[in-house]
Amino acid sequence: MSIGMGILLPPGPTKHMTHPWLADYDRYLPQLEGLVQSLWMSDHLMWGDAPTYEAWTVMSYLAARYPAFDIGSSVLGQSYRNPAMLAKMGATLQDLSGGRFILGLGAGWKEDEYRSYGFPFPTPKVRLEELADALEIIHRLWRDAGKVTYQGKHYVIVDAYCEPKPQSIPPIMVGGGGNKTMQLASQYADWWNLSDVDLITYSEKMTTLKGFCEDRGRDFSSLRLTWLGRMVLGTDEADARDRGIREGMHHYNGWSLDKAFLGTPEQVIERIHSYAAIGISYFIFEVVGLPEVADMARDVFAAIKG
């Protein structure tokens, strides 16, 4: 399978920089057409007082503005949107975009935004049960003919129609390395993602996921393996590390430089190939330092495209 590439946009612009943020994308994204397949948006409501856009609004905007790219969510928090409504939203975007939507969905985790925006924040067990319900509802509304009724532990739909149904079913990506999450991925997902992990950790989790697929009678090769994280480029490793420290932590600071794909374009290309060798076929990168490093990033994407 060929290697796919996506770009994860930052959650929002630097303060007071909204228009340059948009202008930068208009300038360099067309240069990546044919090299990068997709644009991605994370789903968060706040990172302190840092400007943070709402994900679905951004994805709809991207789908219309950049028709050469697929549009994905990495990942939507299931708590923030009723799952039947989310199925309707996804079917609509898939139809209007000509089949370019990828649904990434997760259990949710960022407690401060739940509390600040008035969402209940139940235990991880309950949030995973809610995710299971949400995946089942979306799966049925996109595939089952006619009206759909479902009684889950936490979500219920009664005689719900999702019309028009998507002409092509959007791929569903489930991310995470917990056993329950991987069980859900083995049941519902077309893609499975791990973020910011090293090669050994990814390989170990992949072995566990393969076991869950075997238990379910699913062909493990039918599940696309993806990795999401940061690409930090420089003229040498020290330059890249300085850029990561200087520019890479404006929003989410839960990643570390040792987990990033960091170095010269040649070093990053080599690391991508080492991950692809174990079966990872899609990489989603937040490229730290865009647009300054746009030429180096293009060299990486062009080399992987071959």
C-alpha atoms as a PDB file:
ATOM      1  CA  MET A   1       0.000   0.000   0.000  1.00  0.00           C
ATOM      2  CA  SER A   2       1.298   3.478  -0.836  1.00  0.00           C
ATOM      3  CA  ILE A   3       2.057   5.911   1.976  1.00  0.00           C
ATOM      4  CA  GLY A   4      -0.561   8.619   2.508  1.00  0.00           C
ATOM      5  CA  MET A   5       0.202  12.021   3.980  1.00  0.00           C
ATOM      6  CA  GLY A   6      -1.942  14.536   5.831  1.00  0.00           C
ATOM      7  CA  ILE A   7      -1.353  17.899   7.483  1.00  0.00           C
ATOM      8  CA  LEU A   8      -2.814  18.631  10.907  1.00  0.00           C
ATOM      9  CA  LEU A   9      -3.629  22.303  11.184  1.00  0.00           C
ATOM     10  CA  PRO A  10      -2.945  24.042  14.500  1.00  0.00           C
ATOM     11  CA  PRO A  11      -6.057  24.573  16.657  1.00  0.00           C
ATOM     12  CA  GLY A  12      -6.124  28.250  15.785  1.00  0.00           C
ATOM     13  CA  PRO A  13      -4.017  31.228  14.824  1.00  0.00           C
ATOM     14  CA  THR A  14      -1.498  33.079  16.923  1.00  0.00           C
ATOM     15  CA  LYS A  15      -3.165  35.924  18.803  1.00  0.00           C
ATOM     16  CA  HIS A  16      -4.134  38.813  16.520  1.00  0.00           C
ATOM     17  CA  MET A  17      -2.954  36.867  13.445  1.00  0.00           C
ATOM     18  CA  THR A  18      -6.172  35.449  11.956  1.00  0.00           C
ATOM     19  CA  HIS A  19      -5.816  36.935   8.486  1.00  0.00           C
ATOM     20  CA  PRO A  20      -2.116  36.094   8.004  1.00  0.00           C
ATOM     21  CA  TRP A  21      -2.953  32.548   9.201  1.00  0.00           C
ATOM     22  CA  LEU A  22      -5.485  32.157   6.385  1.00  0.00           C
ATOM     23  CA  ALA A  23      -3.228  33.845   3.852  1.00  0.00           C
ATOM     24  CA  ASP A  24      -0.364  31.492   4.682  1.00  0.00           C
ATOM     25  CA  TYR A  25      -2.504  28.440   3.936  1.00  0.00           C
ATOM     26  CA  ASP A  26      -3.745  29.970   0.695  1.00  0.00           C
ATOM     27  CA  ARG A  27      -0.152  30.480  -0.346  1.00  0.00           C
ATOM     28  CA  TYR A  28       1.465  27.137   0.430  1.00  0.00           C
ATOM     29  CA  LEU A  29      -1.306  24.505   0.426  1.00  0.00           C
ATOM     30  CA  PRO A  30      -1.745  24.691  -3.380  1.00  0.00           C
ATOM     31  CA  GLN A  31       1.951  23.837  -3.659  1.00  0.00           C
ATOM     32  CA  LEU A  32       1.272  20.547  -1.865  1.00  0.00           C
ATOM     33  CA  GLU A  33      -1.512  19.319  -4.125  1.00  0.00           C
ATOM     34  CA  GLY A  34      -0.679  15.836  -5.303  1.00  0.00           C
ATOM     35  CA  LEU A  35       1.877  15.364  -2.512  1.00  0.00           C
ATOM     36  CA  VAL A  36      -0.392  15.628   0.542  1.00  0.00           C
ATOM     37  CA  GLN A  37      -3.770  13.903   0.468  1.00  0.00           C
ATOM     38  CA  SER A  38      -5.593  15.412   3.425  1.00  0.00           C
ATOM     39  CA  LEU A  39      -6.059  18.304   5.849  1.00  0.00           C
ATOM     40  CA  TRP A  40      -6.991  17.614   9.475  1.00  0.00           C
ATOM     41  CA  MET A  41      -8.409  19.559  12.400  1.00  0.00           C
ATOM     42  CA  SER A  42      -8.343  18.626  16.075  1.00  0.00           C
ATOM     43  CA  ASP A  43     -11.489  19.092  18.143  1.00  0.00           C
ATOM     44  CA  HIS A  44     -10.974  21.308  21.159  1.00  0.00           C
ATOM     45  CA  LEU A  45     -12.829  24.255  22.614  1.00  0.00           C
ATOM     46  CA  MET A  46     -10.029  26.013  24.457  1.00  0.00           C
ATOM     47  CA  TRP A  47      -6.330  25.930  25.224  1.00  0.00           C
ATOM     48  CA  GLY A  48      -6.278  28.519  27.974  1.00  0.00           C
ATOM     49  CA  ASP A  49      -6.709  31.886  26.274  1.00  0.00           C
ATOM     50  CA  ALA A  50      -5.000  30.804  23.031  1.00  0.00           C
ATOM     51  CA  PRO A  51      -7.195  31.345  19.934  1.00  0.00           C
ATOM     52  CA  THR A  52      -8.927  28.018  19.256  1.00  0.00           C
ATOM     53  CA  TYR A  53     -11.337  27.424  16.380  1.00  0.00           C
ATOM     54  CA  GLU A  54     -14.324  25.067  16.440  1.00  0.00           C
ATOM     55  CA  ALA A  55     -13.385  21.998  14.443  1.00  0.00           C
ATOM     56  CA  TRP A  56     -16.509  21.296  12.387  1.00  0.00           C
ATOM     57  CA  THR A  57     -16.751  24.871  11.166  1.00  0.00           C
ATOM     58  CA  VAL A  58     -13.118  24.759  10.065  1.00  0.00           C
ATOM     59  CA  MET A  59     -13.527  21.408   8.297  1.00  0.00           C
ATOM     60  CA  SER A  60     -16.532  22.664   6.346  1.00  0.00           C
ATOM     61  CA  TYR A  61     -14.555  25.753   5.357  1.00  0.00           C
ATOM     62  CA  LEU A  62     -11.535  23.669   4.310  1.00  0.00           C
ATOM     63  CA  ALA A  63     -13.637  21.286   2.242  1.00  0.00           C
ATOM     64  CA  ALA A  64     -15.018  24.174   0.200  1.00  0.00           C
ATOM     65  CA  ARG A  65     -11.820  26.213  -0.058  1.00  0.00           C
ATOM     66  CA  TYR A  66      -9.372  23.396  -0.875  1.00  0.00           C
ATOM     67  CA  PRO A  67     -11.114  20.855  -3.126  1.00  0.00           C
ATOM     68  CA  ALA A  68      -7.875  18.978  -3.877  1.00  0.00           C
ATOM     69  CA  PHE A  69      -7.671  17.569  -0.330  1.00  0.00           C
ATOM     70  CA  ASP A  70      -9.608  15.120   1.808  1.00  0.00           C
ATOM     71  CA  ILE A  71     -10.768  16.592   5.121  1.00  0.00           C
ATOM     72  CA  GLY A  72     -10.449  14.742   8.418  1.00  0.00           C
ATOM     73  CA  SER A  73     -11.031  15.191  12.151  1.00  0.00           C
ATOM     74  CA  SER A  74      -8.361  14.106  14.585  1.00  0.00           C
ATOM     75  CA  VAL A  75     -10.378  13.424  16.493  1.00  0.00           C
ATOM     76  CA  LEU A  76     -13.861  14.671  17.308  1.00  0.00           C
ATOM     77  CA  GLY A  77     -14.807  14.316  20.949  1.00  0.00           C
ATOM     78  CA  GLN A  78     -18.002  12.265  20.919  1.00  0.00           C
ATOM     79  CA  SER A  79     -19.356  14.179  23.912  1.00  0.00           C
ATOM     80  CA  TYR A  80     -19.640  17.478  22.069  1.00  0.00           C
ATOM     81  CA  ARG A  81     -22.194  16.441  19.434  1.00  0.00           C
ATOM     82  CA  ASN A  82     -25.185  14.134  19.616  1.00  0.00           C
ATOM     83  CA  PRO A  83     -24.097  11.056  17.628  1.00  0.00           C
ATOM     84  CA  ALA A  84     -27.185  10.966  15.403  1.00  0.00           C
ATOM     85  CA  MET A  85     -26.671  14.640  14.588  1.00  0.00           C
ATOM     86  CA  LEU A  86     -22.988  13.908  13.936  1.00  0.00           C
ATOM     87  CA  ALA A  87     -23.982  11.158  11.503  1.00  0.00           C
ATOM     88  CA  LYS A  88     -26.194  13.668   9.710  1.00  0.00           C
ATOM     89  CA  MET A  89     -23.405  16.256   9.653  1.00  0.00           C
ATOM     90  CA  GLY A  90     -20.923  13.713   8.318  1.00  0.00           C
ATOM     91  CA  ALA A  91     -23.293  12.475   5.629  1.00  0.00           C
ATOM     92  CA  THR A  92     -23.917  16.071   4.539  1.00  0.00           C
ATOM     93  CA  LEU A  93     -20.234  16.983   4.358  1.00  0.00           C
ATOM     94  CA  GLN A  94     -19.443  13.760   2.531  1.00  0.00           C
ATOM     95  CA  ASP A  95     -22.109  14.487  -0.064  1.00  0.00           C
ATOM     96  CA  LEU A  96     -21.262  18.155  -0.578  1.00  0.00           C
ATOM     97  CA  SER A  97     -17.493  17.532  -0.709  1.00  0.00           C
ATOM     98  CA  GLY A  98     -17.746  14.770  -3.283  1.00  0.00           C
ATOM     99  CA  GLY A  99     -16.693  12.031  -0.873  1.00  0.00           C
ATOM    100  CA  ARG A 100     -13.694  13.671   0.806  1.00  0.00           C
ATOM    101  CA  PHE A 101     -14.582  13.349   4.501  1.00  0.00           C
ATOM    102  CA  ILE A 102     -12.764  11.143   7.044  1.00  0.00           C
ATOM    103  CA  LEU A 103     -14.415  10.831  10.466  1.00  0.00           C
ATOM    104  CA  GLY A 104     -11.990  10.550  13.351  1.00  0.00           C
ATOM    105  CA  LEU A 105     -13.870   9.969  16.608  1.00  0.00           C
ATOM    106  CA  GLY A 106     -12.698   9.557  20.183  1.00  0.00           C
ATOM    107  CA  ALA A 107     -13.978   9.329  23.730  1.00  0.00           C
ATOM    108  CA  GLY A 108     -12.861  12.819  24.756  1.00  0.00           C
ATOM    109  CA  TRP A 109     -10.397  13.651  27.506  1.00  0.00           C
ATOM    110  CA  LYS A 110      -9.754  17.367  28.089  1.00  0.00           C
ATOM    111  CA  GLU A 111     -11.525  17.947  31.384  1.00  0.00           C
ATOM    112  CA  ASP A 112     -11.045  21.707  31.622  1.00  0.00           C
ATOM    113  CA  GLU A 113     -12.967  22.414  28.417  1.00  0.00           C
ATOM    114  CA  TYR A 114     -15.749  20.028  29.424  1.00  0.00           C
ATOM    115  CA  ARG A 115     -16.164  21.902  32.693  1.00  0.00           C
ATOM    116  CA  SER A 116     -15.822  25.381  31.192  1.00  0.00           C
ATOM    117  CA  TYR A 117     -18.362  24.733  28.433  1.00  0.00           C
ATOM    118  CA  GLY A 118     -20.873  22.957  30.649  1.00  0.00           C
ATOM    119  CA  PHE A 119     -20.481  19.388  29.394  1.00  0.00           C
ATOM    120  CA  PRO A 120     -20.717  16.537  31.923  1.00  0.00           C
ATOM    121  CA  PHE A 121     -17.343  14.827  32.382  1.00  0.00           C
ATOM    122  CA  PRO A 122     -18.063  11.221  33.366  1.00  0.00           C
ATOM    123  CA  THR A 123     -15.477   8.542  34.127  1.00  0.00           C
ATOM    124  CA  PRO A 124     -13.281   7.097  31.341  1.00  0.00           C
ATOM    125  CA  LYS A 125     -15.390   3.920  31.472  1.00  0.00           C
ATOM    126  CA  VAL A 126     -18.596   5.848  30.780  1.00  0.00           C
ATOM    127  CA  ARG A 127     -16.991   7.959  28.046  1.00  0.00           C
ATOM    128  CA  LEU A 128     -15.842   4.785  26.302  1.00  0.00           C
ATOM    129  CA  GLU A 129     -19.346   3.312  26.613  1.00  0.00           C
ATOM    130  CA  GLU A 130     -20.684   6.504  25.055  1.00  0.00           C
ATOM    131  CA  LEU A 131     -18.149   6.164  22.234  1.00  0.00           C
ATOM    132  CA  ALA A 132     -19.337   2.599  21.591  1.00  0.00           C
ATOM    133  CA  ASP A 133     -22.942   3.817  21.359  1.00  0.00           C
ATOM    134  CA  ALA A 134     -21.930   6.694  19.086  1.00  0.00           C
ATOM    135  CA  LEU A 135     -20.026   4.429  16.694  1.00  0.00           C
ATOM    136  CA  GLU A 136     -22.950   2.002  16.486  1.00  0.00           C
ATOM    137  CA  ILE A 137     -25.435   4.809  15.791  1.00  0.00           C
ATOM    138  CA  ILE A 138     -23.269   6.387  13.106  1.00  0.00           C
ATOM    139  CA  HIS A 139     -22.534   3.015  11.539  1.00  0.00           C
ATOM    140  CA  ARG A 140     -26.235   2.158  11.310  1.00  0.00           C
ATOM    141  CA  LEU A 141     -27.440   5.569  10.134  1.00  0.00           C
ATOM    142  CA  TRP A 142     -24.918   5.564   7.300  1.00  0.00           C
ATOM    143  CA  ARG A 143     -25.594   1.998   6.209  1.00  0.00           C
ATOM    144  CA  ASP A 144     -29.046   0.747   7.208  1.00  0.00           C
ATOM    145  CA  ALA A 145     -31.940   1.324   4.839  1.00  0.00           C
ATOM    146  CA  GLY A 146     -34.907   3.300   6.106  1.00  0.00           C
ATOM    147  CA  LYS A 147     -35.382   4.439   9.677  1.00  0.00           C
ATOM    148  CA  VAL A 148     -33.122   3.321  12.499  1.00  0.00           C
ATOM    149  CA  THR A 149     -33.882   2.679  16.159  1.00  0.00           C
ATOM    150  CA  TYR A 150     -31.149   1.959  18.711  1.00  0.00           C
ATOM    151  CA  GLN A 151     -31.177   1.700  22.495  1.00  0.00           C
ATOM    152  CA  GLY A 152     -27.676   1.985  23.927  1.00  0.00           C
ATOM    153  CA  LYS A 153     -26.351   2.462  27.434  1.00  0.00           C
ATOM    154  CA  HIS A 154     -26.158   6.217  26.992  1.00  0.00           C
ATOM    155  CA  TYR A 155     -27.587   7.228  23.604  1.00  0.00           C
ATOM    156  CA  VAL A 156     -30.970   6.410  22.090  1.00  0.00           C
ATOM    157  CA  ILE A 157     -32.458   7.053  18.652  1.00  0.00           C
ATOM    158  CA  VAL A 158     -36.011   6.214  17.592  1.00  0.00           C
ATOM    159  CA  ASP A 159     -37.161   5.977  13.975  1.00  0.00           C
ATOM    160  CA  ALA A 160     -34.292   8.185  12.829  1.00  0.00           C
ATOM    161  CA  TYR A 161     -33.678   8.771   9.132  1.00  0.00           C
ATOM    162  CA  CYS A 162     -30.344   9.861   7.704  1.00  0.00           C
ATOM    163  CA  GLU A 163     -31.212  10.938   4.187  1.00  0.00           C
ATOM    164  CA  PRO A 164     -29.538  11.296   1.878  1.00  0.00           C
ATOM    165  CA  LYS A 165     -27.174   8.597   2.984  1.00  0.00           C
ATOM    166  CA  PRO A 166     -23.565   9.104   1.887  1.00  0.00           C
ATOM    167  CA  GLN A 167     -22.972   7.719  -1.596  1.00  0.00           C
ATOM    168  CA  SER A 168     -19.631   6.438  -0.341  1.00  0.00           C
ATOM    169  CA  ILE A 169     -19.334   5.706   3.367  1.00  0.00           C
ATOM    170  CA  PRO A 170     -16.729   7.972   4.995  1.00  0.00           C
ATOM    171  CA  PRO A 171     -13.825   6.083   6.564  1.00  0.00           C
ATOM    172  CA  ILE A 172     -14.015   6.015  10.341  1.00  0.00           C
ATOM    173  CA  MET A 173     -10.780   6.477  12.268  1.00  0.00           C
ATOM    174  CA  VAL A 174     -10.605   5.467  15.932  1.00  0.00           C
ATOM    175  CA  GLY A 175      -7.522   6.511  17.822  1.00  0.00           C
ATOM    176  CA  GLY A 176      -5.914   5.310  21.014  1.00  0.00           C
ATOM    177  CA  GLY A 177      -3.957   2.452  22.533  1.00  0.00           C
ATOM    178  CA  GLY A 178      -6.219   1.389  25.387  1.00  0.00           C
ATOM    179  CA  ASN A 179      -7.684  -2.090  25.184  1.00  0.00           C
ATOM    180  CA  LYS A 180     -11.307  -0.909  25.037  1.00  0.00           C
ATOM    181  CA  THR A 181     -10.485   1.661  22.363  1.00  0.00           C
ATOM    182  CA  MET A 182      -8.671  -0.938  20.286  1.00  0.00           C
ATOM    183  CA  GLN A 183     -11.596  -3.345  20.660  1.00  0.00           C
ATOM    184  CA  LEU A 184     -13.879  -0.646  19.293  1.00  0.00           C
ATOM    185  CA  ALA A 185     -11.423  -0.026  16.461  1.00  0.00           C
ATOM    186  CA  SER A 186     -11.431  -3.719  15.582  1.00  0.00           C
ATOM    187  CA  GLN A 187     -15.242  -3.597  15.373  1.00  0.00           C
ATOM    188  CA  TYR A 188     -16.025  -0.245  13.758  1.00  0.00           C
ATOM    189  CA  ALA A 189     -12.946   1.479  12.389  1.00  0.00           C
ATOM    190  CA  ASP A 190     -11.540   1.597   8.891  1.00  0.00           C
ATOM    191  CA  TRP A 191      -8.439   3.400  10.181  1.00  0.00           C
ATOM    192  CA  TRP A 192      -6.650   3.160  13.534  1.00  0.00           C
ATOM    193  CA  ASN A 193      -4.384   5.904  14.842  1.00  0.00           C
ATOM    194  CA  LEU A 194      -1.785   6.296  17.537  1.00  0.00           C
ATOM    195  CA  SER A 195      -0.338   9.711  18.246  1.00  0.00           C
ATOM    196  CA  ASP A 196       3.105  10.747  19.445  1.00  0.00           C
ATOM    197  CA  VAL A 197       4.430   7.254  20.145  1.00  0.00           C
ATOM    198  CA  ASP A 198       7.750   5.653  19.305  1.00  0.00           C
ATOM    199  CA  LEU A 199       8.202   2.717  16.972  1.00  0.00           C
ATOM    200  CA  ILE A 200       8.456   0.083  19.722  1.00  0.00           C
ATOM    201  CA  THR A 201       5.263   1.254  21.429  1.00  0.00           C
ATOM    202  CA  TYR A 202       3.380   1.364  18.138  1.00  0.00           C
ATOM    203  CA  SER A 203       4.510  -2.153  17.256  1.00  0.00           C
ATOM    204  CA  GLU A 204       3.446  -3.525  20.640  1.00  0.00           C
ATOM    205  CA  LYS A 205       0.001  -1.914  20.430  1.00  0.00           C
ATOM    206  CA  MET A 206      -0.378  -3.110  16.856  1.00  0.00           C
ATOM    207  CA  THR A 207       0.188  -6.700  18.000  1.00  0.00           C
ATOM    208  CA  THR A 208      -2.550  -6.306  20.615  1.00  0.00           C
ATOM    209  CA  LEU A 209      -4.933  -4.810  18.056  1.00  0.00           C
ATOM    210  CA  LYS A 210      -4.238  -7.675  15.679  1.00  0.00           C
ATOM    211  CA  GLY A 211      -5.328 -10.064  18.419  1.00  0.00           C
ATOM    212  CA  PHE A 212      -8.612  -8.186  18.878  1.00  0.00           C
ATOM    213  CA  CYS A 213      -9.226  -8.382  15.122  1.00  0.00           C
ATOM    214  CA  GLU A 214      -8.568 -12.123  15.165  1.00  0.00           C
ATOM    215  CA  ASP A 215     -10.996 -12.562  18.064  1.00  0.00           C
ATOM    216  CA  ARG A 216     -13.639 -10.784  15.996  1.00  0.00           C
ATOM    217  CA  GLY A 217     -12.840 -12.704  12.814  1.00  0.00           C
ATOM    218  CA  ARG A 218     -11.704  -9.557  11.050  1.00  0.00           C
ATOM    219  CA  ASP A 219      -8.854  -9.425   8.562  1.00  0.00           C
ATOM    220  CA  PHE A 220      -6.286  -7.195  10.252  1.00  0.00           C
ATOM    221  CA  SER A 221      -5.020  -5.987   6.889  1.00  0.00           C
ATOM    222  CA  SER A 222      -8.420  -4.320   6.281  1.00  0.00           C
ATOM    223  CA  LEU A 223      -7.577  -1.784   8.999  1.00  0.00           C
ATOM    224  CA  ARG A 224      -5.425   1.119   7.850  1.00  0.00           C
ATOM    225  CA  LEU A 225      -2.685   1.985  10.357  1.00  0.00           C
ATOM    226  CA  THR A 226      -1.933   5.674  10.901  1.00  0.00           C
ATOM    227  CA  TRP A 227       0.469   7.756  12.990  1.00  0.00           C
ATOM    228  CA  LEU A 228      -0.123  11.363  14.029  1.00  0.00           C
ATOM    229  CA  GLY A 229       2.409  13.752  15.478  1.00  0.00           C
ATOM    230  CA  ARG A 230       4.772  16.612  14.830  1.00  0.00           C
ATOM    231  CA  MET A 231       7.287  17.143  12.065  1.00  0.00           C
ATOM    232  CA  VAL A 232      10.023  19.545  13.164  1.00  0.00           C
ATOM    233  CA  LEU A 233      12.419  20.437  10.360  1.00  0.00           C
ATOM    234  CA  GLY A 234      15.691  22.308  10.290  1.00  0.00           C
ATOM    235  CA  THR A 235      18.952  22.719   8.428  1.00  0.00           C
ATOM    236  CA  ASP A 236      20.410  20.360  11.026  1.00  0.00           C
ATOM    237  CA  GLU A 237      19.141  18.603  14.138  1.00  0.00           C
ATOM    238  CA  ALA A 238      20.036  21.490  16.451  1.00  0.00           C
ATOM    239  CA  ASP A 239      18.197  23.983  14.250  1.00  0.00           C
ATOM    240  CA  ALA A 240      15.134  21.742  14.224  1.00  0.00           C
ATOM    241  CA  ARG A 241      15.232  21.322  17.992  1.00  0.00           C
ATOM    242  CA  ASP A 242      15.453  25.090  18.496  1.00  0.00           C
ATOM    243  CA  ARG A 243      12.429  25.561  16.229  1.00  0.00           C
ATOM    244  CA  GLY A 244      10.444  22.969  18.146  1.00  0.00           C
ATOM    245  CA  ILE A 245      11.134  24.683  21.450  1.00  0.00           C
ATOM    246  CA  ARG A 246      10.518  28.164  20.048  1.00  0.00           C
ATOM    247  CA  GLU A 247       7.432  27.560  17.911  1.00  0.00           C
ATOM    248  CA  GLY A 248       5.958  24.184  18.713  1.00  0.00           C
ATOM    249  CA  MET A 249       4.175  24.692  21.984  1.00  0.00           C
ATOM    250  CA  HIS A 250       1.757  27.557  21.356  1.00  0.00           C
ATOM    251  CA  HIS A 251      -1.246  25.329  22.057  1.00  0.00           C
ATOM    252  CA  TYR A 252      -1.047  21.696  23.141  1.00  0.00           C
ATOM    253  CA  ASN A 253       2.112  21.047  25.152  1.00  0.00           C
ATOM    254  CA  GLY A 254       1.506  17.347  25.713  1.00  0.00           C
ATOM    255  CA  TRP A 255       3.954  16.237  23.041  1.00  0.00           C
ATOM    256  CA  SER A 256       7.721  16.072  23.390  1.00  0.00           C
ATOM    257  CA  LEU A 257      10.544  16.611  20.941  1.00  0.00           C
ATOM    258  CA  ASP A 258      11.829  13.058  21.369  1.00  0.00           C
ATOM    259  CA  LYS A 259       8.525  11.718  19.955  1.00  0.00           C
ATOM    260  CA  ALA A 260       8.470  14.155  17.032  1.00  0.00           C
ATOM    261  CA  PHE A 261       9.887  13.416  13.596  1.00  0.00           C
ATOM    262  CA  LEU A 262      12.721  15.893  14.040  1.00  0.00           C
ATOM    263  CA  GLY A 263      15.771  16.792  11.955  1.00  0.00           C
ATOM    264  CA  THR A 264      16.711  17.534   8.391  1.00  0.00           C
ATOM    265  CA  PRO A 265      14.346  16.510   5.592  1.00  0.00           C
ATOM    266  CA  GLU A 266      16.586  13.503   4.934  1.00  0.00           C
ATOM    267  CA  GLN A 267      16.416  12.391   8.571  1.00  0.00           C
ATOM    268  CA  VAL A 268      12.631  12.771   8.673  1.00  0.00           C
ATOM    269  CA  ILE A 269      12.238  10.828   5.411  1.00  0.00           C
ATOM    270  CA  GLU A 270      14.327   8.004   6.849  1.00  0.00           C
ATOM    271  CA  ARG A 271      12.190   7.892   9.985  1.00  0.00           C
ATOM    272  CA  ILE A 272       8.964   7.806   7.990  1.00  0.00           C
ATOM    273  CA  HIS A 273      10.252   4.818   6.047  1.00  0.00           C
ATOM    274  CA  SER A 274      11.220   3.010   9.264  1.00  0.00           C
ATOM    275  CA  TYR A 275       7.654   3.379  10.566  1.00  0.00           C
ATOM    276  CA  ALA A 276       6.160   2.390   7.238  1.00  0.00           C
ATOM    277  CA  ALA A 277       8.225  -0.802   7.341  1.00  0.00           C
ATOM    278  CA  ILE A 278       6.020  -2.194  10.154  1.00  0.00           C
ATOM    279  CA  GLY A 279       2.817  -1.477   8.235  1.00  0.00           C
ATOM    280  CA  ILE A 280       1.922   2.154   8.962  1.00  0.00           C
ATOM    281  CA  SER A 281       0.562   3.543   5.709  1.00  0.00           C
ATOM    282  CA  TYR A 282      -0.679   7.024   6.634  1.00  0.00           C
ATOM    283  CA  PHE A 283       1.063   9.850   8.471  1.00  0.00           C
ATOM    284  CA  ILE A 284      -0.646  12.997   9.742  1.00  0.00           C
ATOM    285  CA  PHE A 285       1.817  15.734  10.651  1.00  0.00           C
ATOM    286  CA  GLU A 286       1.526  19.061  12.342  1.00  0.00           C
ATOM    287  CA  VAL A 287       4.462  20.733  10.613  1.00  0.00           C
ATOM    288  CA  VAL A 288       5.994  23.040  13.188  1.00  0.00           C
ATOM    289  CA  GLY A 289       7.158  26.356  11.765  1.00  0.00           C
ATOM    290  CA  LEU A 290       4.973  26.674   8.700  1.00  0.00           C
ATOM    291  CA  PRO A 291       5.178  28.647   6.489  1.00  0.00           C
ATOM    292  CA  GLU A 292       8.874  29.234   7.208  1.00  0.00           C
ATOM    293  CA  VAL A 293       9.737  25.574   6.602  1.00  0.00           C
ATOM    294  CA  ALA A 294       7.314  25.079   3.697  1.00  0.00           C
ATOM    295  CA  ASP A 295      10.077  24.308   1.169  1.00  0.00           C
ATOM    296  CA  MET A 296      11.675  21.677   3.427  1.00  0.00           C
ATOM    297  CA  ALA A 297       8.270  20.122   4.147  1.00  0.00           C
ATOM    298  CA  ARG A 298       7.550  19.951   0.447  1.00  0.00           C
ATOM    299  CA  ASP A 299      10.850  18.108  -0.069  1.00  0.00           C
ATOM    300  CA  VAL A 300       9.777  15.528   2.508  1.00  0.00           C
ATOM    301  CA  PHE A 301       6.334  15.009   1.000  1.00  0.00           C
ATOM    302  CA  ALA A 302       7.728  14.830  -2.537  1.00  0.00           C
ATOM    303  CA  ALA A 303      10.284  12.203  -1.538  1.00  0.00           C
ATOM    304  CA  ILE A 304       7.632  10.018   0.134  1.00  0.00           C
ATOM    305  CA  LYS A 305       5.341  10.419  -2.871  1.00  0.00           C
ATOM    306  CA  GLY A 306       8.249   9.145  -4.964  1.00  0.00           C
END
